[in-house]
Protein backbone atom coordinates (compact mmCIF):
# COMPACT_ATOMS: atom_id res chain seq x y z
CA SER A 1 0.00 0.02 0.00
CA LEU A 2 3.00 2.46 0.98
CA LEU A 3 4.60 1.40 -2.29
CA LEU A 4 1.64 2.17 -4.32
CA GLU A 5 1.17 5.60 -2.71
CA ILE A 6 4.75 6.49 -3.31
CA LEU A 7 4.58 5.44 -7.10
CA ASN A 8 1.15 7.47 -7.28
CA ASN A 9 2.94 10.45 -6.02
CA SER A 10 6.06 10.45 -8.03
CA TYR A 11 4.11 9.85 -11.45
CA GLN A 12 5.34 12.65 -13.53
CA LEU A 13 3.05 14.41 -15.99
CA SER A 14 5.65 17.04 -17.38
CA SER A 15 6.61 16.57 -20.77
CA VAL A 16 10.26 15.72 -21.45
CA PRO A 17 10.44 16.09 -25.13
CA LEU A 18 8.75 19.68 -24.58
CA GLN A 19 11.36 20.65 -22.19
CA ILE A 20 14.10 19.56 -24.50
CA LEU A 21 12.40 21.60 -27.35
CA PHE A 22 12.24 24.65 -25.22
CA TYR A 23 16.06 24.39 -24.33
CA ILE A 24 16.85 23.78 -27.96
CA ASN A 25 14.60 26.62 -29.13
CA GLY A 26 16.25 28.92 -26.44
CA PHE A 27 19.58 28.60 -28.46
CA TYR A 28 17.92 28.62 -31.91
CA TYR A 29 16.11 31.79 -31.06
CA ILE A 30 19.56 33.55 -29.92
CA PHE A 31 20.81 32.54 -33.40
CA TYR A 32 17.56 33.73 -35.04
CA PHE A 33 17.87 37.10 -33.44
CA LEU A 34 21.57 37.79 -34.21
CA ALA A 35 21.26 36.39 -37.84
CA THR A 36 18.23 38.52 -38.45
CA LEU A 37 19.54 41.71 -36.83
CA ALA A 38 22.66 41.02 -39.00
CA MET A 39 20.52 40.76 -42.09
CA ILE A 40 18.54 44.09 -41.23
CA VAL A 41 21.81 45.92 -40.96
CA TYR A 42 23.15 44.19 -44.30
CA LYS A 43 19.87 44.85 -46.06
CA SER A 44 19.93 48.77 -44.85
CA GLN A 45 23.57 48.82 -46.07
CA VAL A 46 23.21 47.24 -49.54
CA PHE A 47 19.62 48.11 -50.30
CA SER A 48 17.74 51.34 -50.49
CA TYR A 49 16.05 50.67 -47.36
CA PRO A 50 13.41 53.18 -46.60
CA ASP A 51 14.23 54.94 -43.13
CA ASN A 52 10.65 54.89 -42.28
CA PHE A 53 10.73 51.07 -42.49
CA LEU A 54 14.12 50.45 -40.73
CA ALA A 55 12.92 51.24 -37.09
CA PRO A 56 9.57 49.39 -37.13
CA ASP A 57 11.51 46.16 -38.48
CA LEU A 58 13.99 46.57 -35.74
CA ALA A 59 11.40 47.31 -33.02
CA LEU A 60 9.40 44.15 -34.17
CA LEU A 61 12.44 42.35 -33.72
CA PHE A 62 13.29 43.33 -30.17
CA ILE A 63 9.60 42.84 -29.25
CA MET A 64 9.62 39.67 -30.58
CA ALA A 65 13.05 38.81 -28.61
CA ILE A 66 11.18 40.03 -25.21
CA LEU A 67 8.00 37.72 -26.08
CA GLU A 68 10.26 34.60 -26.84
CA ALA A 69 12.02 35.10 -23.60
CA LEU A 70 8.74 35.31 -21.62
CA ARG A 71 7.37 32.52 -23.61
CA LEU A 72 10.10 30.12 -23.17
CA TYR A 73 10.40 30.95 -19.15
CA LEU A 74 6.59 30.56 -18.69
CA GLY A 75 6.41 27.36 -20.81
CA SER A 76 9.28 25.73 -19.21
CA LYS A 77 7.84 26.70 -15.86
CA GLY A 78 4.38 25.46 -16.39
CA ASN A 79 5.93 22.31 -17.73
CA LEU A 80 8.28 21.41 -14.88
CA THR A 81 5.90 22.45 -12.40
CA GLU A 82 2.83 20.65 -14.31
CA GLU A 83 0.96 24.01 -13.82
CA GLU A 84 -1.53 24.66 -16.81
CA ALA A 85 -1.78 28.36 -16.35
CA PRO A 86 1.74 29.31 -17.38
CA LEU A 87 1.92 26.70 -20.08
CA GLY A 88 -1.37 28.11 -21.36
CA LEU A 89 -0.01 31.52 -21.27
CA SER A 90 3.08 30.57 -23.10
CA LEU A 91 0.91 28.94 -25.71
CA VAL A 92 -1.01 32.30 -26.01
CA ILE A 93 2.20 34.18 -26.33
CA THR A 94 3.10 31.56 -29.24
CA VAL A 95 0.50 32.99 -31.21
CA GLY A 96 1.90 36.45 -30.95
CA SER A 97 5.45 34.97 -31.83
CA VAL A 98 4.06 33.16 -34.78
CA ILE A 99 2.60 36.42 -36.36
CA LEU A 100 5.86 38.37 -35.78
CA SER A 101 7.74 35.22 -37.37
CA VAL A 102 5.24 35.49 -40.41
CA TYR A 103 5.89 39.15 -40.61
CA PHE A 104 9.54 38.46 -41.06
CA LEU A 105 8.93 35.75 -43.41
CA ILE A 106 6.54 37.80 -45.76
CA TRP A 107 5.95 41.27 -44.78
CA GLN A 108 9.24 42.84 -43.76
CA THR A 109 10.88 45.36 -46.33
CA TYR A 110 13.28 42.73 -47.80
CA VAL A 111 12.98 39.05 -47.45
CA LEU A 112 16.10 36.98 -48.19
CA LYS A 113 16.18 33.33 -48.74
CA ALA A 114 18.01 33.42 -45.29
CA ASP A 115 15.09 35.01 -43.88
CA VAL A 116 12.51 32.28 -45.41
CA ILE A 117 14.79 29.30 -44.05
CA ILE A 118 15.52 30.64 -40.33
CA ASN A 119 11.87 31.33 -40.12
CA ALA A 120 10.70 28.23 -41.56
CA VAL A 121 12.67 26.30 -38.79
CA LEU A 122 11.27 28.86 -35.96
CA LEU A 123 7.54 28.35 -37.28
CA PHE A 124 8.13 24.46 -37.45
CA THR A 125 9.53 24.39 -33.79
CA TYR A 126 6.66 26.82 -32.75
CA GLY A 127 3.94 24.30 -34.21
CA LEU A 128 5.86 21.31 -32.37
CA GLU A 129 5.85 22.97 -29.19
CA ALA A 130 2.34 24.19 -29.44
CA VAL A 131 1.15 20.67 -30.08
CA LEU A 132 3.27 19.05 -27.28
CA GLN A 133 1.90 22.20 -24.86
CA VAL A 134 -1.71 21.39 -25.58
CA LEU A 135 -1.05 17.58 -24.84
CA ALA A 136 0.98 18.52 -21.72
CA ILE A 137 -1.93 20.92 -20.67
CA ALA A 138 -4.49 18.10 -21.46
CA ALA A 139 -2.38 15.86 -18.91
CA PHE A 140 -1.97 17.95 -16.10
CA ILE A 141 -5.79 18.90 -16.33
CA GLY A 142 -6.93 15.27 -16.68
């Protein structure tokens, strides 16, 4: 009876694949941010980048970085503590991150092939994380 109680109390609901993906995405986003920043600087030097578009592109990149840090922190915390609220909030922030990634993929002033590649990878990880987050939330609630 005691052994059964110990086993029931030690049952882990947090998602290991999700935690690994958060960890990897943290490093990938640092690369993404630096690469996108470097490309914006490059584009502003090589192409006739309209001045009134340079500041918004940079501002959106920095807003995205803040959202990403918050998203990864809440998602990781929610997963490790097996709480659906921070994980759900992280999932909501993911929607904003997806919109910003699509902006850099399609709507920014100049889109290079490198932009397409790094945003496609980022969107893929967002999709995978979103699925794993929904499954983790379902496990925590159920």
